[in-house]
């Protein structure tokens, strides 16, 4: 019973002490809310940038594959010309 009274006293003291400074707590919560909003905006901007870069990479990959195919065709034509040429 003595422990229960002691715990209740500590809890009551913490509760009353915590309620005395609600303005600072509200300012702190508002500040943290602003930081969360700022980070959310930054994450959104980074996602947008990542999507753009991903599209650019896909385009570059397609262009590289087209260039590779064109180079193979050119090499095949040169091989055909070399094999048909006789001295």
PDB file of N, CA and C in Angstrom:
ATOM      1  N   UNK A   1       0.818  -1.179   0.000  1.00  0.00           N
ATOM      2  CA  UNK A   1       0.000   0.000   0.000  1.00  0.00           C
ATOM      3  C   UNK A   1       0.870   1.254   0.000  1.00  0.00           C
ATOM      4  N   UNK A   2       1.995   1.177   0.716  1.00  0.00           N
ATOM      5  CA  UNK A   2       2.885   2.326   0.793  1.00  0.00           C
ATOM      6  C   UNK A   2       3.486   2.635  -0.583  1.00  0.00           C
ATOM      7  N   UNK A   3       3.832   1.572  -1.329  1.00  0.00           N
ATOM      8  CA  UNK A   3       4.384   1.760  -2.669  1.00  0.00           C
ATOM      9  C   UNK A   3       3.354   2.391  -3.596  1.00  0.00           C
ATOM     10  N   UNK A   4       2.113   1.958  -3.472  1.00  0.00           N
ATOM     11  CA  UNK A   4       1.053   2.491  -4.319  1.00  0.00           C
ATOM     12  C   UNK A   4       0.857   3.975  -4.069  1.00  0.00           C
ATOM     13  N   UNK A   5       0.881   4.371  -2.813  1.00  0.00           N
ATOM     14  CA  UNK A   5       0.720   5.786  -2.464  1.00  0.00           C
ATOM     15  C   UNK A   5       1.900   6.598  -2.994  1.00  0.00           C
ATOM     16  N   UNK A   6       3.077   6.011  -2.911  1.00  0.00           N
ATOM     17  CA  UNK A   6       4.274   6.705  -3.380  1.00  0.00           C
ATOM     18  C   UNK A   6       4.222   6.888  -4.902  1.00  0.00           C
ATOM     19  N   UNK A   7       3.828   5.846  -5.618  1.00  0.00           N
ATOM     20  CA  UNK A   7       3.717   5.915  -7.074  1.00  0.00           C
ATOM     21  C   UNK A   7       2.651   6.932  -7.468  1.00  0.00           C
ATOM     22  N   UNK A   8       1.522   6.928  -6.757  1.00  0.00           N
ATOM     23  CA  UNK A   8       0.454   7.881  -7.054  1.00  0.00           C
ATOM     24  C   UNK A   8       0.931   9.308  -6.805  1.00  0.00           C
ATOM     25  N   UNK A   9       1.726   9.510  -5.740  1.00  0.00           N
ATOM     26  CA  UNK A   9       2.257  10.840  -5.442  1.00  0.00           C
ATOM     27  C   UNK A   9       3.210  11.309  -6.526  1.00  0.00           C
ATOM     28  N   UNK A  10       4.071  10.435  -6.994  1.00  0.00           N
ATOM     29  CA  UNK A  10       5.019  10.781  -8.058  1.00  0.00           C
ATOM     30  C   UNK A  10       4.264  11.085  -9.344  1.00  0.00           C
ATOM     31  N   UNK A  11       3.271  10.283  -9.667  1.00  0.00           N
ATOM     32  CA  UNK A  11       2.485  10.496 -10.882  1.00  0.00           C
ATOM     33  C   UNK A  11       1.731  11.817 -10.806  1.00  0.00           C
ATOM     34  N   UNK A  12       1.151  12.124  -9.647  1.00  0.00           N
ATOM     35  CA  UNK A  12       0.423  13.379  -9.476  1.00  0.00           C
ATOM     36  C   UNK A  12       1.355  14.572  -9.591  1.00  0.00           C
ATOM     37  N   UNK A  13       2.553  14.470  -9.016  1.00  0.00           N
ATOM     38  CA  UNK A  13       3.537  15.549  -9.109  1.00  0.00           C
ATOM     39  C   UNK A  13       3.961  15.755 -10.558  1.00  0.00           C
ATOM     40  N   UNK A  14       4.213  14.677 -11.275  1.00  0.00           N
ATOM     41  CA  UNK A  14       4.617  14.781 -12.684  1.00  0.00           C
ATOM     42  C   UNK A  14       3.485  15.364 -13.521  1.00  0.00           C
ATOM     43  N   UNK A  15       2.266  14.947 -13.223  1.00  0.00           N
ATOM     44  CA  UNK A  15       1.122  15.449 -13.977  1.00  0.00           C
ATOM     45  C   UNK A  15       0.936  16.935 -13.745  1.00  0.00           C
ATOM     46  N   UNK A  16       0.996  17.378 -12.502  1.00  0.00           N
ATOM     47  CA  UNK A  16       0.832  18.799 -12.197  1.00  0.00           C
ATOM     48  C   UNK A  16       1.993  19.622 -12.721  1.00  0.00           C
ATOM     49  N   UNK A  17       3.186  19.115 -12.624  1.00  0.00           N
ATOM     50  CA  UNK A  17       4.354  19.821 -13.134  1.00  0.00           C
ATOM     51  C   UNK A  17       4.326  19.906 -14.650  1.00  0.00           C
ATOM     52  N   UNK A  18       3.849  18.872 -15.317  1.00  0.00           N
ATOM     53  CA  UNK A  18       3.768  18.862 -16.771  1.00  0.00           C
ATOM     54  C   UNK A  18       2.706  19.813 -17.282  1.00  0.00           C
ATOM     55  N   UNK A  19       1.652  19.971 -16.570  1.00  0.00           N
ATOM     56  CA  UNK A  19       0.565  20.850 -16.999  1.00  0.00           C
ATOM     57  C   UNK A  19       0.909  22.321 -16.808  1.00  0.00           C
ATOM     58  N   UNK A  20       1.873  22.618 -15.965  1.00  0.00           N
ATOM     59  CA  UNK A  20       2.219  24.003 -15.682  1.00  0.00           C
ATOM     60  C   UNK A  20       2.890  24.664 -16.884  1.00  0.00           C
ATOM     61  N   UNK A  21       3.486  23.891 -17.793  1.00  0.00           N
ATOM     62  CA  UNK A  21       4.262  24.464 -18.893  1.00  0.00           C
ATOM     63  C   UNK A  21       3.667  24.062 -20.245  1.00  0.00           C
ATOM     64  N   UNK A  22       2.365  24.216 -20.421  1.00  0.00           N
ATOM     65  CA  UNK A  22       1.722  23.773 -21.663  1.00  0.00           C
ATOM     66  C   UNK A  22       2.081  24.659 -22.845  1.00  0.00           C
ATOM     67  N   UNK A  23       2.367  25.931 -22.636  1.00  0.00           N
ATOM     68  CA  UNK A  23       2.707  26.829 -23.736  1.00  0.00           C
ATOM     69  C   UNK A  23       3.993  26.379 -24.418  1.00  0.00           C
ATOM     70  N   UNK A  24       4.994  26.056 -23.616  1.00  0.00           N
ATOM     71  CA  UNK A  24       6.260  25.588 -24.184  1.00  0.00           C
ATOM     72  C   UNK A  24       6.068  24.256 -24.902  1.00  0.00           C
ATOM     73  N   UNK A  25       5.223  23.405 -24.323  1.00  0.00           N
ATOM     74  CA  UNK A  25       4.948  22.111 -24.947  1.00  0.00           C
ATOM     75  C   UNK A  25       4.234  22.312 -26.283  1.00  0.00           C
ATOM     76  N   UNK A  26       3.270  23.208 -26.329  1.00  0.00           N
ATOM     77  CA  UNK A  26       2.555  23.473 -27.581  1.00  0.00           C
ATOM     78  C   UNK A  26       3.485  24.052 -28.637  1.00  0.00           C
ATOM     79  N   UNK A  27       4.390  24.944 -28.217  1.00  0.00           N
ATOM     80  CA  UNK A  27       5.359  25.507 -29.157  1.00  0.00           C
ATOM     81  C   UNK A  27       6.283  24.423 -29.694  1.00  0.00           C
ATOM     82  N   UNK A  28       6.677  23.530 -28.800  1.00  0.00           N
ATOM     83  CA  UNK A  28       7.561  22.438 -29.215  1.00  0.00           C
ATOM     84  C   UNK A  28       6.855  21.516 -30.202  1.00  0.00           C
ATOM     85  N   UNK A  29       5.596  21.203 -29.919  1.00  0.00           N
ATOM     86  CA  UNK A  29       4.828  20.336 -30.824  1.00  0.00           C
ATOM     87  C   UNK A  29       4.623  21.027 -32.163  1.00  0.00           C
ATOM     88  N   UNK A  30       4.330  22.327 -32.143  1.00  0.00           N
ATOM     89  CA  UNK A  30       4.147  23.066 -33.394  1.00  0.00           C
ATOM     90  C   UNK A  30       5.448  23.092 -34.199  1.00  0.00           C
ATOM     91  N   UNK A  31       6.563  23.277 -33.500  1.00  0.00           N
ATOM     92  CA  UNK A  31       7.868  23.288 -34.160  1.00  0.00           C
ATOM     93  C   UNK A  31       8.156  21.934 -34.805  1.00  0.00           C
ATOM     94  N   UNK A  32       7.861  20.867 -34.077  1.00  0.00           N
ATOM     95  CA  UNK A  32       8.072  19.526 -34.633  1.00  0.00           C
ATOM     96  C   UNK A  32       7.141  19.275 -35.808  1.00  0.00           C
ATOM     97  N   UNK A  33       5.915  19.774 -35.714  1.00  0.00           N
ATOM     98  CA  UNK A  33       4.973  19.633 -36.830  1.00  0.00           C
ATOM     99  C   UNK A  33       5.487  20.343 -38.073  1.00  0.00           C
ATOM    100  N   UNK A  34       6.061  21.531 -37.882  1.00  0.00           N
ATOM    101  CA  UNK A  34       6.627  22.264 -39.019  1.00  0.00           C
ATOM    102  C   UNK A  34       7.793  21.508 -39.632  1.00  0.00           C
ATOM    103  N   UNK A  35       8.611  20.911 -38.783  1.00  0.00           N
ATOM    104  CA  UNK A  35       9.745  20.145 -39.298  1.00  0.00           C
ATOM    105  C   UNK A  35       9.263  18.922 -40.086  1.00  0.00           C
ATOM    106  N   UNK A  36       8.217  18.277 -39.590  1.00  0.00           N
ATOM    107  CA  UNK A  36       7.665  17.119 -40.294  1.00  0.00           C
ATOM    108  C   UNK A  36       7.115  17.552 -41.649  1.00  0.00           C
ATOM    109  N   UNK A  37       6.409  18.681 -41.682  1.00  0.00           N
ATOM    110  CA  UNK A  37       5.884  19.191 -42.950  1.00  0.00           C
ATOM    111  C   UNK A  37       7.009  19.502 -43.930  1.00  0.00           C
ATOM    112  N   UNK A  38       8.084  20.105 -43.418  1.00  0.00           N
ATOM    113  CA  UNK A  38       9.236  20.442 -44.272  1.00  0.00           C
ATOM    114  C   UNK A  38       9.882  19.173 -44.824  1.00  0.00           C
ATOM    115  N   UNK A  39      10.047  18.170 -43.963  1.00  0.00           N
ATOM    116  CA  UNK A  39      10.649  16.914 -44.420  1.00  0.00           C
ATOM    117  C   UNK A  39       9.743  16.205 -45.432  1.00  0.00           C
ATOM    118  N   UNK A  40       8.437  16.286 -45.222  1.00  0.00           N
ATOM    119  CA  UNK A  40       7.505  15.679 -46.175  1.00  0.00           C
ATOM    120  C   UNK A  40       7.623  16.343 -47.533  1.00  0.00           C
ATOM    121  N   UNK A  41       7.755  17.661 -47.538  1.00  0.00           N
ATOM    122  CA  UNK A  41       7.919  18.377 -48.809  1.00  0.00           C
ATOM    123  C   UNK A  41       9.226  17.973 -49.484  1.00  0.00           C
ATOM    124  N   UNK A  42      10.288  17.849 -48.704  1.00  0.00           N
ATOM    125  CA  UNK A  42      11.579  17.440 -49.276  1.00  0.00           C
ATOM    126  C   UNK A  42      11.512  16.030 -49.839  1.00  0.00           C
ATOM    127  N   UNK A  43      10.825  15.133 -49.134  1.00  0.00           N
ATOM    128  CA  UNK A  43      10.687  13.757 -49.617  1.00  0.00           C
ATOM    129  C   UNK A  43       9.898  13.744 -50.926  1.00  0.00           C
ATOM    130  N   UNK A  44       8.849  14.555 -51.000  1.00  0.00           N
ATOM    131  CA  UNK A  44       8.074  14.644 -52.235  1.00  0.00           C
ATOM    132  C   UNK A  44       8.925  15.144 -53.390  1.00  0.00           C
ATOM    133  N   UNK A  45       9.742  16.165 -53.125  1.00  0.00           N
ATOM    134  CA  UNK A  45      10.616  16.702 -54.173  1.00  0.00           C
ATOM    135  C   UNK A  45      11.640  15.648 -54.611  1.00  0.00           C
ATOM    136  N   UNK A  46      12.184  14.909 -53.668  1.00  0.00           N
ATOM    137  CA  UNK A  46      13.161  13.870 -54.011  1.00  0.00           C
ATOM    138  C   UNK A  46      12.524  12.738 -54.801  1.00  0.00           C
ATOM    139  N   UNK A  47      11.290  12.385 -54.459  1.00  0.00           N
ATOM    140  CA  UNK A  47      10.594  11.339 -55.219  1.00  0.00           C
ATOM    141  C   UNK A  47      10.366  11.799 -56.655  1.00  0.00           C
ATOM    142  N   UNK A  48       9.988  13.053 -56.806  1.00  0.00           N
ATOM    143  CA  UNK A  48       9.765  13.600 -58.143  1.00  0.00           C
ATOM    144  C   UNK A  48      11.059  13.590 -58.948  1.00  0.00           C
ATOM    145  N   UNK A  49      12.139  14.011 -58.324  1.00  0.00           N
ATOM    146  CA  UNK A  49      13.435  14.033 -59.004  1.00  0.00           C
ATOM    147  C   UNK A  49      13.886  12.619 -59.360  1.00  0.00           C
ATOM    148  N   UNK A  50      13.646  11.671 -58.456  1.00  0.00           N
ATOM    149  CA  UNK A  50      14.030  10.285 -58.710  1.00  0.00           C
ATOM    150  C   UNK A  50      13.242   9.722 -59.882  1.00  0.00           C
ATOM    151  N   UNK A  51      11.962  10.056 -59.964  1.00  0.00           N
ATOM    152  CA  UNK A  51      11.144   9.584 -61.089  1.00  0.00           C
ATOM    153  C   UNK A  51      11.657  10.145 -62.407  1.00  0.00           C
ATOM    154  N   UNK A  52      12.024  11.427 -62.404  1.00  0.00           N
ATOM    155  CA  UNK A  52      12.550  12.052 -63.617  1.00  0.00           C
ATOM    156  C   UNK A  52      13.864  11.390 -64.028  1.00  0.00           C
ATOM    157  N   UNK A  53      14.746  11.164 -63.059  1.00  0.00           N
ATOM    158  CA  UNK A  53      16.026  10.527 -63.368  1.00  0.00           C
ATOM    159  C   UNK A  53      15.824   9.102 -63.868  1.00  0.00           C
ATOM    160  N   UNK A  54      14.868   8.410 -63.297  1.00  0.00           N
ATOM    161  CA  UNK A  54      14.583   7.044 -63.736  1.00  0.00           C
ATOM    162  C   UNK A  54      14.111   7.041 -65.188  1.00  0.00           C
ATOM    163  N   UNK A  55      13.258   7.992 -65.542  1.00  0.00           N
ATOM    164  CA  UNK A  55      12.799   8.089 -66.932  1.00  0.00           C
ATOM    165  C   UNK A  55      13.963   8.426 -67.852  1.00  0.00           C
ATOM    166  N   UNK A  56      14.849   9.320 -67.414  1.00  0.00           N
ATOM    167  CA  UNK A  56      16.020   9.672 -68.223  1.00  0.00           C
ATOM    168  C   UNK A  56      16.923   8.462 -68.443  1.00  0.00           C
ATOM    169  N   UNK A  57      17.110   7.665 -67.409  1.00  0.00           N
ATOM    170  CA  UNK A  57      17.954   6.467 -67.509  1.00  0.00           C
ATOM    171  C   UNK A  57      17.333   5.468 -68.481  1.00  0.00           C
ATOM    172  N   UNK A  58      16.018   5.306 -68.406  1.00  0.00           N
ATOM    173  CA  UNK A  58      15.356   4.376 -69.333  1.00  0.00           C
ATOM    174  C   UNK A  58      15.514   4.851 -70.774  1.00  0.00           C
ATOM    175  N   UNK A  59      15.393   6.163 -70.984  1.00  0.00           N
ATOM    176  CA  UNK A  59      15.582   6.708 -72.325  1.00  0.00           C
ATOM    177  C   UNK A  59      17.001   6.511 -72.822  1.00  0.00           C
ATOM    178  N   UNK A  60      17.971   6.728 -71.951  1.00  0.00           N
ATOM    179  CA  UNK A  60      19.371   6.547 -72.333  1.00  0.00           C
ATOM    180  C   UNK A  60      19.661   5.079 -72.640  1.00  0.00           C
ATOM    181  N   UNK A  61      19.046   4.188 -71.873  1.00  0.00           N
ATOM    182  CA  UNK A  61      19.248   2.760 -72.111  1.00  0.00           C
ATOM    183  C   UNK A  61      18.676   2.368 -73.464  1.00  0.00           C
ATOM    184  N   UNK A  62      17.499   2.873 -73.785  1.00  0.00           N
ATOM    185  CA  UNK A  62      16.893   2.564 -75.083  1.00  0.00           C
ATOM    186  C   UNK A  62      17.742   3.111 -76.222  1.00  0.00           C
ATOM    187  N   UNK A  63      18.266   4.325 -76.061  1.00  0.00           N
ATOM    188  CA  UNK A  63      19.119   4.912 -77.100  1.00  0.00           C
ATOM    189  C   UNK A  63      20.402   4.103 -77.268  1.00  0.00           C
ATOM    190  N   UNK A  64      20.964   3.640 -76.172  1.00  0.00           N
ATOM    191  CA  UNK A  64      22.189   2.837 -76.248  1.00  0.00           C
ATOM    192  C   UNK A  64      21.922   1.503 -76.944  1.00  0.00           C
ATOM    193  N   UNK A  65      20.778   0.905 -76.656  1.00  0.00           N
ATOM    194  CA  UNK A  65      20.455  -0.371 -77.309  1.00  0.00           C
ATOM    195  C   UNK A  65      20.215  -0.169 -78.805  1.00  0.00           C
ATOM    196  N   UNK A  66      19.573   0.953 -79.159  1.00  0.00           N
ATOM    197  CA  UNK A  66      19.378   1.250 -80.587  1.00  0.00           C
ATOM    198  C   UNK A  66      20.722   1.459 -81.280  1.00  0.00           C
ATOM    199  N   UNK A  67      21.619   2.178 -80.643  1.00  0.00           N
ATOM    200  CA  UNK A  67      22.952   2.410 -81.221  1.00  0.00           C
ATOM    201  C   UNK A  67      23.711   1.099 -81.366  1.00  0.00           C
ATOM    202  N   UNK A  68      23.573   0.222 -80.384  1.00  0.00           N
ATOM    203  CA  UNK A  68      24.253  -1.071 -80.450  1.00  0.00           C
ATOM    204  C   UNK A  68      23.704  -1.902 -81.614  1.00  0.00           C
ATOM    205  N   UNK A  69      22.404  -1.893 -81.791  1.00  0.00           N
ATOM    206  CA  UNK A  69      21.800  -2.646 -82.894  1.00  0.00           C
ATOM    207  C   UNK A  69      22.232  -2.071 -84.236  1.00  0.00           C
ATOM    208  N   UNK A  70      22.281  -0.753 -84.337  1.00  0.00           N
ATOM    209  CA  UNK A  70      22.711  -0.115 -85.589  1.00  0.00           C
ATOM    210  C   UNK A  70      24.178  -0.427 -85.870  1.00  0.00           C
ATOM    211  N   UNK A  71      25.009  -0.440 -84.851  1.00  0.00           N
ATOM    212  CA  UNK A  71      26.430  -0.778 -85.035  1.00  0.00           C
ATOM    213  C   UNK A  71      26.580  -2.225 -85.501  1.00  0.00           C
ATOM    214  N   UNK A  72      25.765  -3.123 -84.957  1.00  0.00           N
ATOM    215  CA  UNK A  72      25.823  -4.529 -85.381  1.00  0.00           C
ATOM    216  C   UNK A  72      25.420  -4.657 -86.850  1.00  0.00           C
ATOM    217  N   UNK A  73      24.363  -3.925 -87.226  1.00  0.00           N
ATOM    218  CA  UNK A  73      23.954  -3.967 -88.641  1.00  0.00           C
ATOM    219  C   UNK A  73      25.051  -3.432 -89.548  1.00  0.00           C
ATOM    220  N   UNK A  74      25.700  -2.353 -89.143  1.00  0.00           N
ATOM    221  CA  UNK A  74      26.787  -1.788 -89.953  1.00  0.00           C
ATOM    222  C   UNK A  74      27.943  -2.772 -90.054  1.00  0.00           C
ATOM    223  N   UNK A  75      28.285  -3.429 -88.954  1.00  0.00           N
ATOM    224  CA  UNK A  75      29.366  -4.422 -88.977  1.00  0.00           C
ATOM    225  C   UNK A  75      29.008  -5.605 -89.876  1.00  0.00           C
ATOM    226  N   UNK A  76      27.737  -6.018 -89.822  1.00  0.00           N
ATOM    227  CA  UNK A  76      27.303  -7.119 -90.693  1.00  0.00           C
ATOM    228  C   UNK A  76      27.415  -6.723 -92.173  1.00  0.00           C
ATOM    229  N   UNK A  77      27.052  -5.502 -92.499  1.00  0.00           N
ATOM    230  CA  UNK A  77      27.172  -5.033 -93.889  1.00  0.00           C
ATOM    231  C   UNK A  77      28.633  -5.011 -94.315  1.00  0.00           C
ATOM    232  N   UNK A  78      29.506  -4.533 -93.428  1.00  0.00           N
ATOM    233  CA  UNK A  78      30.936  -4.506 -93.756  1.00  0.00           C
ATOM    234  C   UNK A  78      31.481  -5.920 -93.945  1.00  0.00           C
ATOM    235  N   UNK A  79      31.035  -6.843 -93.100  1.00  0.00           N
ATOM    236  CA  UNK A  79      31.462  -8.236 -93.236  1.00  0.00           C
ATOM    237  C   UNK A  79      31.013  -8.806 -94.565  1.00  0.00           C
ATOM    238  N   UNK A  80      29.792  -8.482 -94.988  1.00  0.00           N
ATOM    239  CA  UNK A  80      29.281  -8.972 -96.277  1.00  0.00           C
ATOM    240  C   UNK A  80      30.071  -8.380 -97.422  1.00  0.00           C
ATOM    241  N   UNK A  81      30.421  -7.103 -97.306  1.00  0.00           N
ATOM    242  CA  UNK A  81      31.199  -6.469 -98.373  1.00  0.00           C
ATOM    243  C   UNK A  81      32.601  -7.063 -98.436  1.00  0.00           C
ATOM    244  N   UNK A  82      33.212  -7.341 -97.312  1.00  0.00           N
ATOM    245  CA  UNK A  82      34.558  -7.898 -97.287  1.00  0.00           C
ATOM    246  C   UNK A  82      34.592  -9.327 -97.809  1.00  0.00           C
ATOM    247  N   UNK A  83      33.555 -10.087 -97.510  1.00  0.00           N
ATOM    248  CA  UNK A  83      33.547 -11.466 -97.965  1.00  0.00           C
ATOM    249  C   UNK A  83      33.255 -11.577 -99.466  1.00  0.00           C
ATOM    250  N   UNK A  84      32.560 -10.603-100.012  1.00  0.00           N
ATOM    251  CA  UNK A  84      32.258 -10.671-101.444  1.00  0.00           C
ATOM    252  C   UNK A  84      33.375 -10.049-102.300  1.00  0.00           C
ATOM    253  N   UNK A  85      34.302  -9.344-101.697  1.00  0.00           N
ATOM    254  CA  UNK A  85      35.397  -8.734-102.429  1.00  0.00           C
ATOM    255  C   UNK A  85      36.482  -9.758-102.680  1.00  0.00           C
ATOM    256  N   UNK A  86      36.908  -9.891-103.925  1.00  0.00           N
ATOM    257  CA  UNK A  86      37.952 -10.867-104.275  1.00  0.00           C
ATOM    258  C   UNK A  86      39.007 -10.166-105.079  1.00  0.00           C
ATOM    259  N   UNK A  87      40.241 -10.557-104.873  1.00  0.00           N
ATOM    260  CA  UNK A  87      41.367 -10.008-105.635  1.00  0.00           C
ATOM    261  C   UNK A  87      41.534 -10.715-106.952  1.00  0.00           C
TER     262      UNK A  87
END
